[in-house]
């Protein structure tokens, strides 16, 4: 079992429920952290804001990203290096 969490970035509660149900049906036991928008997702990845104190070097196992998010943080360039990703 992988103990790293899964970061689910999803603003639609119905889609969140469907995703969690699919994880359960497929016996995926990782903890799931849900971010409601791009800013909250970046806070999680960088260990800032509501996630201050989280070890930013501890990468999630996977990030599931809704591509049409509110507050998607346009200033976040694809080349930006995250603390958890070399």
PDB file of N, CA and C in Angstrom:
ATOM      1  N   UNK A   1       0.840  -1.190   0.000  1.00  0.00           N
ATOM      2  CA  UNK A   1       0.000   0.000   0.000  1.00  0.00           C
ATOM      3  C   UNK A   1       0.879   1.245   0.000  1.00  0.00           C
ATOM      4  N   UNK A   2       0.540   2.190  -0.839  1.00  0.00           N
ATOM      5  CA  UNK A   2       1.249   3.452  -0.907  1.00  0.00           C
ATOM      6  C   UNK A   2       0.675   4.379   0.159  1.00  0.00           C
ATOM      7  N   UNK A   3       1.518   4.950   0.987  1.00  0.00           N
ATOM      8  CA  UNK A   3       1.019   5.813   2.056  1.00  0.00           C
ATOM      9  C   UNK A   3       0.986   7.279   1.644  1.00  0.00           C
ATOM     10  N   UNK A   4       1.487   7.601   0.455  1.00  0.00           N
ATOM     11  CA  UNK A   4       1.424   8.984  -0.007  1.00  0.00           C
ATOM     12  C   UNK A   4      -0.021   9.328  -0.358  1.00  0.00           C
ATOM     13  N   UNK A   5      -0.438  10.558  -0.041  1.00  0.00           N
ATOM     14  CA  UNK A   5      -1.816  10.936  -0.362  1.00  0.00           C
ATOM     15  C   UNK A   5      -1.989  11.225  -1.851  1.00  0.00           C
ATOM     16  N   UNK A   6      -3.222  11.246  -2.265  1.00  0.00           N
ATOM     17  CA  UNK A   6      -3.603  11.666  -3.610  1.00  0.00           C
ATOM     18  C   UNK A   6      -4.179  13.067  -3.478  1.00  0.00           C
ATOM     19  N   UNK A   7      -3.727  13.980  -4.328  1.00  0.00           N
ATOM     20  CA  UNK A   7      -4.265  15.335  -4.333  1.00  0.00           C
ATOM     21  C   UNK A   7      -5.312  15.428  -5.438  1.00  0.00           C
ATOM     22  N   UNK A   8      -6.557  15.617  -5.045  1.00  0.00           N
ATOM     23  CA  UNK A   8      -7.664  15.778  -5.986  1.00  0.00           C
ATOM     24  C   UNK A   8      -8.024  17.257  -6.029  1.00  0.00           C
ATOM     25  N   UNK A   9      -7.852  17.870  -7.183  1.00  0.00           N
ATOM     26  CA  UNK A   9      -8.175  19.287  -7.347  1.00  0.00           C
ATOM     27  C   UNK A   9      -9.480  19.348  -8.130  1.00  0.00           C
ATOM     28  N   UNK A  10     -10.569  19.584  -7.410  1.00  0.00           N
ATOM     29  CA  UNK A  10     -11.908  19.484  -8.009  1.00  0.00           C
ATOM     30  C   UNK A  10     -12.860  20.439  -7.305  1.00  0.00           C
ATOM     31  N   UNK A  11     -13.549  21.258  -8.071  1.00  0.00           N
ATOM     32  CA  UNK A  11     -14.487  22.211  -7.483  1.00  0.00           C
ATOM     33  C   UNK A  11     -15.926  21.702  -7.466  1.00  0.00           C
ATOM     34  N   UNK A  12     -16.209  20.630  -8.182  1.00  0.00           N
ATOM     35  CA  UNK A  12     -17.568  20.101  -8.264  1.00  0.00           C
ATOM     36  C   UNK A  12     -17.734  18.953  -7.259  1.00  0.00           C
ATOM     37  N   UNK A  13     -18.608  19.120  -6.247  1.00  0.00           N
ATOM     38  CA  UNK A  13     -18.788  18.070  -5.240  1.00  0.00           C
ATOM     39  C   UNK A  13     -19.259  16.736  -5.821  1.00  0.00           C
ATOM     40  N   UNK A  14     -20.057  16.779  -6.892  1.00  0.00           N
ATOM     41  CA  UNK A  14     -20.525  15.533  -7.506  1.00  0.00           C
ATOM     42  C   UNK A  14     -19.355  14.761  -8.132  1.00  0.00           C
ATOM     43  N   UNK A  15     -18.460  15.482  -8.792  1.00  0.00           N
ATOM     44  CA  UNK A  15     -17.289  14.833  -9.382  1.00  0.00           C
ATOM     45  C   UNK A  15     -16.362  14.285  -8.303  1.00  0.00           C
ATOM     46  N   UNK A  16     -16.285  15.003  -7.188  1.00  0.00           N
ATOM     47  CA  UNK A  16     -15.482  14.522  -6.058  1.00  0.00           C
ATOM     48  C   UNK A  16     -16.026  13.183  -5.554  1.00  0.00           C
ATOM     49  N   UNK A  17     -17.346  13.102  -5.382  1.00  0.00           N
ATOM     50  CA  UNK A  17     -17.975  11.869  -4.906  1.00  0.00           C
ATOM     51  C   UNK A  17     -17.720  10.726  -5.887  1.00  0.00           C
ATOM     52  N   UNK A  18     -17.871  10.987  -7.181  1.00  0.00           N
ATOM     53  CA  UNK A  18     -17.627   9.948  -8.188  1.00  0.00           C
ATOM     54  C   UNK A  18     -16.183   9.457  -8.147  1.00  0.00           C
ATOM     55  N   UNK A  19     -15.255  10.379  -7.983  1.00  0.00           N
ATOM     56  CA  UNK A  19     -13.839  10.005  -7.929  1.00  0.00           C
ATOM     57  C   UNK A  19     -13.554   9.152  -6.704  1.00  0.00           C
ATOM     58  N   UNK A  20     -14.059   9.573  -5.558  1.00  0.00           N
ATOM     59  CA  UNK A  20     -13.832   8.814  -4.322  1.00  0.00           C
ATOM     60  C   UNK A  20     -14.486   7.435  -4.404  1.00  0.00           C
ATOM     61  N   UNK A  21     -15.645   7.363  -5.044  1.00  0.00           N
ATOM     62  CA  UNK A  21     -16.322   6.075  -5.219  1.00  0.00           C
ATOM     63  C   UNK A  21     -15.488   5.148  -6.107  1.00  0.00           C
ATOM     64  N   UNK A  22     -14.920   5.695  -7.171  1.00  0.00           N
ATOM     65  CA  UNK A  22     -14.065   4.902  -8.065  1.00  0.00           C
ATOM     66  C   UNK A  22     -12.831   4.405  -7.319  1.00  0.00           C
ATOM     67  N   UNK A  23     -12.249   5.250  -6.480  1.00  0.00           N
ATOM     68  CA  UNK A  23     -11.093   4.812  -5.677  1.00  0.00           C
ATOM     69  C   UNK A  23     -11.487   3.644  -4.786  1.00  0.00           C
ATOM     70  N   UNK A  24     -12.628   3.771  -4.112  1.00  0.00           N
ATOM     71  CA  UNK A  24     -13.089   2.710  -3.222  1.00  0.00           C
ATOM     72  C   UNK A  24     -13.351   1.399  -3.954  1.00  0.00           C
ATOM     73  N   UNK A  25     -14.003   1.478  -5.102  1.00  0.00           N
ATOM     74  CA  UNK A  25     -14.305   0.267  -5.873  1.00  0.00           C
ATOM     75  C   UNK A  25     -13.045  -0.426  -6.374  1.00  0.00           C
ATOM     76  N   UNK A  26     -11.976   0.356  -6.531  1.00  0.00           N
ATOM     77  CA  UNK A  26     -10.723  -0.206  -7.033  1.00  0.00           C
ATOM     78  C   UNK A  26      -9.703  -0.426  -5.913  1.00  0.00           C
ATOM     79  N   UNK A  27     -10.180  -0.371  -4.667  1.00  0.00           N
ATOM     80  CA  UNK A  27      -9.377  -0.668  -3.480  1.00  0.00           C
ATOM     81  C   UNK A  27      -8.137   0.223  -3.380  1.00  0.00           C
ATOM     82  N   UNK A  28      -8.284   1.484  -3.747  1.00  0.00           N
ATOM     83  CA  UNK A  28      -7.199   2.453  -3.586  1.00  0.00           C
ATOM     84  C   UNK A  28      -7.357   3.040  -2.193  1.00  0.00           C
ATOM     85  N   UNK A  29      -6.393   2.732  -1.339  1.00  0.00           N
ATOM     86  CA  UNK A  29      -6.528   3.071   0.072  1.00  0.00           C
ATOM     87  C   UNK A  29      -5.781   4.344   0.473  1.00  0.00           C
ATOM     88  N   UNK A  30      -5.150   5.010  -0.471  1.00  0.00           N
ATOM     89  CA  UNK A  30      -4.430   6.247  -0.153  1.00  0.00           C
ATOM     90  C   UNK A  30      -5.395   7.286   0.407  1.00  0.00           C
ATOM     91  N   UNK A  31      -4.903   8.105   1.316  1.00  0.00           N
ATOM     92  CA  UNK A  31      -5.694   9.243   1.777  1.00  0.00           C
ATOM     93  C   UNK A  31      -5.869  10.191   0.593  1.00  0.00           C
ATOM     94  N   UNK A  32      -7.005  10.868   0.538  1.00  0.00           N
ATOM     95  CA  UNK A  32      -7.264  11.817  -0.543  1.00  0.00           C
ATOM     96  C   UNK A  32      -7.410  13.203   0.063  1.00  0.00           C
ATOM     97  N   UNK A  33      -6.597  14.134  -0.437  1.00  0.00           N
ATOM     98  CA  UNK A  33      -6.685  15.534  -0.032  1.00  0.00           C
ATOM     99  C   UNK A  33      -7.403  16.256  -1.163  1.00  0.00           C
ATOM    100  N   UNK A  34      -8.471  16.994  -0.845  1.00  0.00           N
ATOM    101  CA  UNK A  34      -9.241  17.695  -1.868  1.00  0.00           C
ATOM    102  C   UNK A  34      -8.966  19.188  -1.781  1.00  0.00           C
ATOM    103  N   UNK A  35      -8.556  19.757  -2.907  1.00  0.00           N
ATOM    104  CA  UNK A  35      -8.404  21.206  -3.041  1.00  0.00           C
ATOM    105  C   UNK A  35      -9.523  21.678  -3.959  1.00  0.00           C
ATOM    106  N   UNK A  36     -10.169  22.766  -3.615  1.00  0.00           N
ATOM    107  CA  UNK A  36     -11.332  23.247  -4.371  1.00  0.00           C
ATOM    108  C   UNK A  36     -10.982  24.161  -5.540  1.00  0.00           C
ATOM    109  N   UNK A  37      -9.758  24.674  -5.576  1.00  0.00           N
ATOM    110  CA  UNK A  37      -9.350  25.529  -6.693  1.00  0.00           C
ATOM    111  C   UNK A  37      -7.832  25.484  -6.830  1.00  0.00           C
ATOM    112  N   UNK A  38      -7.328  26.160  -7.851  1.00  0.00           N
ATOM    113  CA  UNK A  38      -5.899  26.128  -8.123  1.00  0.00           C
ATOM    114  C   UNK A  38      -5.056  26.735  -7.024  1.00  0.00           C
ATOM    115  N   UNK A  39      -5.555  27.784  -6.410  1.00  0.00           N
ATOM    116  CA  UNK A  39      -4.809  28.434  -5.327  1.00  0.00           C
ATOM    117  C   UNK A  39      -4.657  27.485  -4.145  1.00  0.00           C
ATOM    118  N   UNK A  40      -5.736  26.807  -3.788  1.00  0.00           N
ATOM    119  CA  UNK A  40      -5.679  25.858  -2.677  1.00  0.00           C
ATOM    120  C   UNK A  40      -4.749  24.686  -3.006  1.00  0.00           C
ATOM    121  N   UNK A  41      -4.744  24.249  -4.262  1.00  0.00           N
ATOM    122  CA  UNK A  41      -3.843  23.171  -4.685  1.00  0.00           C
ATOM    123  C   UNK A  41      -2.385  23.605  -4.549  1.00  0.00           C
ATOM    124  N   UNK A  42      -2.089  24.826  -4.969  1.00  0.00           N
ATOM    125  CA  UNK A  42      -0.715  25.328  -4.836  1.00  0.00           C
ATOM    126  C   UNK A  42      -0.333  25.497  -3.373  1.00  0.00           C
ATOM    127  N   UNK A  43      -1.282  25.923  -2.538  1.00  0.00           N
ATOM    128  CA  UNK A  43      -1.008  26.010  -1.096  1.00  0.00           C
ATOM    129  C   UNK A  43      -0.609  24.638  -0.562  1.00  0.00           C
ATOM    130  N   UNK A  44      -1.318  23.599  -0.996  1.00  0.00           N
ATOM    131  CA  UNK A  44      -0.974  22.250  -0.541  1.00  0.00           C
ATOM    132  C   UNK A  44       0.419  21.856  -1.021  1.00  0.00           C
ATOM    133  N   UNK A  45       0.696  22.063  -2.300  1.00  0.00           N
ATOM    134  CA  UNK A  45       1.979  21.633  -2.861  1.00  0.00           C
ATOM    135  C   UNK A  45       3.160  22.389  -2.266  1.00  0.00           C
ATOM    136  N   UNK A  46       2.966  23.690  -1.964  1.00  0.00           N
ATOM    137  CA  UNK A  46       4.048  24.496  -1.409  1.00  0.00           C
ATOM    138  C   UNK A  46       4.048  24.536   0.121  1.00  0.00           C
ATOM    139  N   UNK A  47       3.025  23.953   0.749  1.00  0.00           N
ATOM    140  CA  UNK A  47       2.952  23.952   2.212  1.00  0.00           C
ATOM    141  C   UNK A  47       2.709  25.340   2.772  1.00  0.00           C
ATOM    142  N   UNK A  48       1.817  26.102   2.137  1.00  0.00           N
ATOM    143  CA  UNK A  48       1.506  27.464   2.580  1.00  0.00           C
ATOM    144  C   UNK A  48       0.011  27.580   2.842  1.00  0.00           C
ATOM    145  N   UNK A  49      -0.430  28.768   3.267  1.00  0.00           N
ATOM    146  CA  UNK A  49      -1.858  29.016   3.501  1.00  0.00           C
ATOM    147  C   UNK A  49      -2.435  28.051   4.520  1.00  0.00           C
ATOM    148  N   UNK A  50      -3.557  27.435   4.186  1.00  0.00           N
ATOM    149  CA  UNK A  50      -4.202  26.506   5.117  1.00  0.00           C
ATOM    150  C   UNK A  50      -3.375  25.241   5.320  1.00  0.00           C
ATOM    151  N   UNK A  51      -2.394  25.010   4.464  1.00  0.00           N
ATOM    152  CA  UNK A  51      -1.534  23.834   4.584  1.00  0.00           C
ATOM    153  C   UNK A  51      -0.147  24.203   5.126  1.00  0.00           C
ATOM    154  N   UNK A  52      -0.032  25.368   5.739  1.00  0.00           N
ATOM    155  CA  UNK A  52       1.241  25.790   6.322  1.00  0.00           C
ATOM    156  C   UNK A  52       1.681  24.760   7.350  1.00  0.00           C
ATOM    157  N   UNK A  53       2.934  24.401   7.305  1.00  0.00           N
ATOM    158  CA  UNK A  53       3.464  23.402   8.220  1.00  0.00           C
ATOM    159  C   UNK A  53       3.548  22.021   7.607  1.00  0.00           C
ATOM    160  N   UNK A  54       2.842  21.809   6.478  1.00  0.00           N
ATOM    161  CA  UNK A  54       2.951  20.526   5.783  1.00  0.00           C
ATOM    162  C   UNK A  54       4.320  20.462   5.137  1.00  0.00           C
ATOM    163  N   UNK A  55       4.939  19.289   5.157  1.00  0.00           N
ATOM    164  CA  UNK A  55       6.258  19.122   4.544  1.00  0.00           C
ATOM    165  C   UNK A  55       6.100  19.197   3.032  1.00  0.00           C
ATOM    166  N   UNK A  56       6.492  20.327   2.447  1.00  0.00           N
ATOM    167  CA  UNK A  56       6.331  20.540   1.006  1.00  0.00           C
ATOM    168  C   UNK A  56       7.203  19.595   0.185  1.00  0.00           C
ATOM    169  N   UNK A  57       8.203  18.988   0.797  1.00  0.00           N
ATOM    170  CA  UNK A  57       9.058  18.048   0.074  1.00  0.00           C
ATOM    171  C   UNK A  57       8.385  16.686  -0.099  1.00  0.00           C
ATOM    172  N   UNK A  58       7.323  16.442   0.660  1.00  0.00           N
ATOM    173  CA  UNK A  58       6.593  15.172   0.561  1.00  0.00           C
ATOM    174  C   UNK A  58       5.555  15.284  -0.557  1.00  0.00           C
ATOM    175  N   UNK A  59       5.896  14.743  -1.705  1.00  0.00           N
ATOM    176  CA  UNK A  59       5.023  14.843  -2.873  1.00  0.00           C
ATOM    177  C   UNK A  59       3.830  13.906  -2.752  1.00  0.00           C
ATOM    178  N   UNK A  60       2.669  14.318  -3.278  1.00  0.00           N
ATOM    179  CA  UNK A  60       1.553  13.378  -3.324  1.00  0.00           C
ATOM    180  C   UNK A  60       1.867  12.263  -4.320  1.00  0.00           C
ATOM    181  N   UNK A  61       1.196  11.140  -4.178  1.00  0.00           N
ATOM    182  CA  UNK A  61       1.403  10.019  -5.102  1.00  0.00           C
ATOM    183  C   UNK A  61       0.997  10.423  -6.514  1.00  0.00           C
ATOM    184  N   UNK A  62      -0.099  11.168  -6.603  1.00  0.00           N
ATOM    185  CA  UNK A  62      -0.605  11.634  -7.895  1.00  0.00           C
ATOM    186  C   UNK A  62      -1.463  12.875  -7.653  1.00  0.00           C
ATOM    187  N   UNK A  63      -1.528  13.733  -8.664  1.00  0.00           N
ATOM    188  CA  UNK A  63      -2.407  14.901  -8.612  1.00  0.00           C
ATOM    189  C   UNK A  63      -3.439  14.735  -9.717  1.00  0.00           C
ATOM    190  N   UNK A  64      -4.709  14.705  -9.340  1.00  0.00           N
ATOM    191  CA  UNK A  64      -5.806  14.662 -10.312  1.00  0.00           C
ATOM    192  C   UNK A  64      -6.352  16.075 -10.408  1.00  0.00           C
ATOM    193  N   UNK A  65      -6.241  16.659 -11.587  1.00  0.00           N
ATOM    194  CA  UNK A  65      -6.528  18.078 -11.757  1.00  0.00           C
ATOM    195  C   UNK A  65      -7.692  18.300 -12.704  1.00  0.00           C
ATOM    196  N   UNK A  66      -8.709  18.997 -12.211  1.00  0.00           N
ATOM    197  CA  UNK A  66      -9.811  19.458 -13.048  1.00  0.00           C
ATOM    198  C   UNK A  66      -9.260  20.635 -13.853  1.00  0.00           C
ATOM    199  N   UNK A  67      -9.343  20.567 -15.162  1.00  0.00           N
ATOM    200  CA  UNK A  67      -8.722  21.593 -16.001  1.00  0.00           C
ATOM    201  C   UNK A  67      -9.499  22.903 -16.047  1.00  0.00           C
ATOM    202  N   UNK A  68     -10.767  22.889 -15.689  1.00  0.00           N
ATOM    203  CA  UNK A  68     -11.568  24.122 -15.710  1.00  0.00           C
ATOM    204  C   UNK A  68     -11.886  24.529 -14.277  1.00  0.00           C
ATOM    205  N   UNK A  69     -10.880  25.069 -13.628  1.00  0.00           N
ATOM    206  CA  UNK A  69     -11.008  25.420 -12.213  1.00  0.00           C
ATOM    207  C   UNK A  69     -11.190  26.912 -12.011  1.00  0.00           C
ATOM    208  N   UNK A  70     -11.929  27.303 -10.960  1.00  0.00           N
ATOM    209  CA  UNK A  70     -11.898  28.704 -10.558  1.00  0.00           C
ATOM    210  C   UNK A  70     -10.559  28.981  -9.880  1.00  0.00           C
ATOM    211  N   UNK A  71     -10.134  30.231  -9.945  1.00  0.00           N
ATOM    212  CA  UNK A  71      -8.868  30.643  -9.308  1.00  0.00           C
ATOM    213  C   UNK A  71      -7.751  29.671  -9.671  1.00  0.00           C
ATOM    214  N   UNK A  72      -7.480  29.548 -10.954  1.00  0.00           N
ATOM    215  CA  UNK A  72      -6.510  28.555 -11.403  1.00  0.00           C
ATOM    216  C   UNK A  72      -5.075  29.034 -11.338  1.00  0.00           C
ATOM    217  N   UNK A  73      -4.845  30.234 -10.843  1.00  0.00           N
ATOM    218  CA  UNK A  73      -3.490  30.724 -10.639  1.00  0.00           C
ATOM    219  C   UNK A  73      -2.744  30.850 -11.970  1.00  0.00           C
ATOM    220  N   UNK A  74      -3.179  31.772 -12.793  1.00  0.00           N
ATOM    221  CA  UNK A  74      -2.586  31.963 -14.112  1.00  0.00           C
ATOM    222  C   UNK A  74      -1.097  32.272 -14.046  1.00  0.00           C
ATOM    223  N   UNK A  75      -0.647  32.835 -12.921  1.00  0.00           N
ATOM    224  CA  UNK A  75       0.784  33.156 -12.818  1.00  0.00           C
ATOM    225  C   UNK A  75       1.650  31.916 -12.608  1.00  0.00           C
ATOM    226  N   UNK A  76       1.038  30.775 -12.371  1.00  0.00           N
ATOM    227  CA  UNK A  76       1.791  29.541 -12.169  1.00  0.00           C
ATOM    228  C   UNK A  76       2.176  28.970 -13.521  1.00  0.00           C
ATOM    229  N   UNK A  77       3.439  29.117 -13.882  1.00  0.00           N
ATOM    230  CA  UNK A  77       3.923  28.643 -15.185  1.00  0.00           C
ATOM    231  C   UNK A  77       4.233  27.155 -15.113  1.00  0.00           C
ATOM    232  N   UNK A  78       4.050  26.427 -16.220  1.00  0.00           N
ATOM    233  CA  UNK A  78       4.358  24.987 -16.227  1.00  0.00           C
ATOM    234  C   UNK A  78       5.803  24.674 -15.879  1.00  0.00           C
ATOM    235  N   UNK A  79       6.681  25.654 -16.013  1.00  0.00           N
ATOM    236  CA  UNK A  79       8.099  25.404 -15.724  1.00  0.00           C
ATOM    237  C   UNK A  79       8.453  25.676 -14.273  1.00  0.00           C
ATOM    238  N   UNK A  80       7.494  26.140 -13.474  1.00  0.00           N
ATOM    239  CA  UNK A  80       7.757  26.405 -12.061  1.00  0.00           C
ATOM    240  C   UNK A  80       8.106  25.091 -11.360  1.00  0.00           C
ATOM    241  N   UNK A  81       9.180  25.105 -10.601  1.00  0.00           N
ATOM    242  CA  UNK A  81       9.594  23.899  -9.866  1.00  0.00           C
ATOM    243  C   UNK A  81       8.933  23.883  -8.503  1.00  0.00           C
ATOM    244  N   UNK A  82       8.290  22.777  -8.223  1.00  0.00           N
ATOM    245  CA  UNK A  82       7.695  22.583  -6.919  1.00  0.00           C
ATOM    246  C   UNK A  82       8.739  22.015  -5.981  1.00  0.00           C
ATOM    247  N   UNK A  83       8.618  22.266  -4.693  1.00  0.00           N
ATOM    248  CA  UNK A  83       9.605  21.728  -3.750  1.00  0.00           C
ATOM    249  C   UNK A  83       9.663  20.205  -3.776  1.00  0.00           C
ATOM    250  N   UNK A  84       8.561  19.570  -4.155  1.00  0.00           N
ATOM    251  CA  UNK A  84       8.523  18.114  -4.132  1.00  0.00           C
ATOM    252  C   UNK A  84       8.908  17.487  -5.468  1.00  0.00           C
ATOM    253  N   UNK A  85       9.121  18.284  -6.478  1.00  0.00           N
ATOM    254  CA  UNK A  85       9.399  17.750  -7.812  1.00  0.00           C
ATOM    255  C   UNK A  85      10.703  18.329  -8.365  1.00  0.00           C
ATOM    256  N   UNK A  86      11.680  17.490  -8.611  1.00  0.00           N
ATOM    257  CA  UNK A  86      12.958  18.009  -9.132  1.00  0.00           C
ATOM    258  C   UNK A  86      12.829  18.558 -10.542  1.00  0.00           C
TER     259      UNK A  86
END
